Amino acid sequence: MERTITVDGKEVKMRASALIPRLYRFKFGRDMIRDLAQLKKNFEAVTKDMGDASEDEKKEAQLTVMDLTVFENTAWLMAKHADANIPDDPDEWLQGFEMFSIYEVLPQILELWEGTNRTTAISKKK
């Protein structure tokens, strides 16, 4: 599944497929499925309606450095998977951007990833 996402005003093609978790494991030595599940959980906790939360609670509800690393690595890998001209190093790719918000880009990446994981099979259990 492919999608073009706007990152820092630039159109970036991203691709998710069954190969992505394998590439992630070989490149970063981690389990992408587990990392993305944790990132999604943390992202949803941070972005949920905090209603009557105090300012201190709102300030503490931030993503960790590990969350940001997983996000950056996944974004780079999906871009690299869609376009072989993307630099081979995530740091080099990230240098091509001024700044972009994880809060704008991550939902699109999660949606792209989840789109590859939907099943078309009908459950036989009732």
Protein backbone atom coordinates (compact mmCIF):
# COMPACT_ATOMS: atom_id res chain seq x y z
CA MET A 1 0.00 0.00 0.00
CA GLU A 2 1.38 3.41 -0.93
CA ARG A 3 0.44 6.93 0.03
CA THR A 4 1.91 10.39 -0.46
CA ILE A 5 2.24 12.32 2.78
CA THR A 6 3.13 15.99 3.15
CA VAL A 7 6.10 16.36 5.48
CA ASP A 8 7.44 19.86 6.16
CA GLY A 9 5.72 21.10 3.00
CA LYS A 10 7.30 18.35 0.85
CA GLU A 11 5.40 15.48 -0.72
CA VAL A 12 6.91 12.18 0.44
CA LYS A 13 5.79 8.87 -1.00
CA MET A 14 5.59 6.12 1.61
CA ARG A 15 5.01 2.43 1.19
CA ALA A 16 3.99 -0.24 3.67
CA SER A 17 4.14 -3.94 2.87
CA ALA A 18 4.83 -7.27 4.53
CA LEU A 19 8.54 -6.60 3.98
CA ILE A 20 8.65 -3.54 6.25
CA PRO A 21 8.89 -5.40 9.61
CA ARG A 22 11.75 -7.53 8.24
CA LEU A 23 13.64 -4.50 6.93
CA TYR A 24 13.09 -2.73 10.25
CA ARG A 25 14.39 -5.74 12.20
CA PHE A 26 17.52 -6.01 10.02
CA LYS A 27 18.22 -2.26 10.03
CA PHE A 28 17.42 -1.45 13.67
CA GLY A 29 17.50 -4.82 15.46
CA ARG A 30 14.03 -4.31 16.93
CA ASP A 31 10.50 -5.62 16.45
CA MET A 32 8.60 -3.01 14.43
CA ILE A 33 5.18 -4.46 15.20
CA ARG A 34 5.81 -4.24 18.94
CA ASP A 35 7.43 -0.79 18.62
CA LEU A 36 4.55 0.64 16.56
CA ALA A 37 1.94 -0.83 18.91
CA GLN A 38 3.64 0.88 21.87
CA LEU A 39 4.07 4.13 19.93
CA LYS A 40 0.39 4.11 18.97
CA LYS A 41 -0.64 3.49 22.58
CA ASN A 42 1.57 6.31 23.85
CA PHE A 43 0.47 8.66 21.06
CA GLU A 44 -3.20 8.04 21.83
CA ALA A 45 -2.58 8.64 25.54
CA VAL A 46 -0.83 11.94 24.82
CA THR A 47 -3.38 13.20 22.30
CA LYS A 48 -6.57 12.13 24.07
CA ASP A 49 -8.83 14.84 25.40
CA MET A 50 -7.23 15.74 28.69
CA GLY A 51 -10.30 17.68 29.79
CA ASP A 52 -9.70 18.94 33.31
CA ALA A 53 -6.03 17.94 33.44
CA SER A 54 -3.75 20.43 35.12
CA GLU A 55 -1.06 22.23 33.15
CA ASP A 56 1.57 20.06 34.87
CA GLU A 57 -0.25 16.89 33.75
CA LYS A 58 -0.48 18.20 30.19
CA LYS A 59 3.25 19.00 30.15
CA GLU A 60 4.11 15.52 31.46
CA ALA A 61 1.99 13.82 28.78
CA GLN A 62 4.74 13.76 26.19
CA LEU A 63 6.17 11.11 23.94
CA THR A 64 9.47 9.59 24.97
CA VAL A 65 12.72 9.81 23.04
CA MET A 66 12.22 6.15 22.14
CA ASP A 67 8.78 6.97 20.71
CA LEU A 68 10.29 9.70 18.56
CA THR A 69 13.07 7.37 17.39
CA VAL A 70 10.57 4.68 16.40
CA PHE A 71 8.54 7.31 14.52
CA GLU A 72 11.57 8.69 12.67
CA ASN A 73 12.90 5.24 11.78
CA THR A 74 9.51 4.03 10.56
CA ALA A 75 8.91 7.17 8.49
CA TRP A 76 12.35 6.87 6.88
CA LEU A 77 11.92 3.14 6.20
CA MET A 78 8.51 3.59 4.58
CA ALA A 79 9.87 6.44 2.45
CA LYS A 80 12.93 4.38 1.48
CA HIS A 81 10.68 1.42 0.64
CA ALA A 82 8.72 3.65 -1.77
CA ASP A 83 11.68 5.52 -3.29
CA ALA A 84 15.13 3.95 -3.72
CA ASN A 85 16.61 7.46 -4.12
CA ILE A 86 16.01 8.21 -0.42
CA PRO A 87 19.36 8.28 1.45
CA ASP A 88 20.42 4.98 3.04
CA ASP A 89 20.78 6.63 6.45
CA PRO A 90 17.74 7.95 8.38
CA ASP A 91 19.78 10.84 9.81
CA GLU A 92 20.75 12.00 6.34
CA TRP A 93 17.11 11.81 5.20
CA LEU A 94 15.89 13.74 8.24
CA GLN A 95 18.41 16.51 7.52
CA GLY A 96 16.41 17.26 4.38
CA PHE A 97 13.59 18.68 6.52
CA GLU A 98 13.50 21.83 8.60
CA MET A 99 11.02 20.55 11.19
CA PHE A 100 7.81 18.59 11.12
CA SER A 101 5.22 17.58 13.66
CA ILE A 102 4.88 14.00 14.76
CA TYR A 103 1.28 14.89 15.62
CA GLU A 104 0.51 15.58 11.93
CA VAL A 105 2.54 12.81 10.28
CA LEU A 106 2.24 9.86 12.67
CA PRO A 107 -1.53 9.35 12.26
CA GLN A 108 -1.01 9.03 8.50
CA ILE A 109 1.84 6.54 8.93
CA LEU A 110 -0.21 4.46 11.40
CA GLU A 111 -3.15 4.49 9.00
CA LEU A 112 -0.90 3.36 6.15
CA TRP A 113 0.57 0.57 8.28
CA GLU A 114 -2.81 -0.56 9.59
CA GLY A 115 -4.15 -0.61 6.02
CA THR A 116 -1.68 -3.37 5.20
CA ASN A 117 -2.77 -5.40 8.21
CA ARG A 118 -6.49 -5.60 7.50
CA THR A 119 -7.68 -9.05 6.69
CA THR A 120 -10.11 -9.88 3.95
CA ALA A 121 -10.80 -13.36 5.35
CA ILE A 122 -14.12 -14.06 7.01
CA SER A 123 -13.81 -15.51 10.48
CA LYS A 124 -15.02 -19.10 10.73
CA LYS A 125 -15.48 -18.86 14.51
CA LYS A 126 -18.87 -17.83 15.76
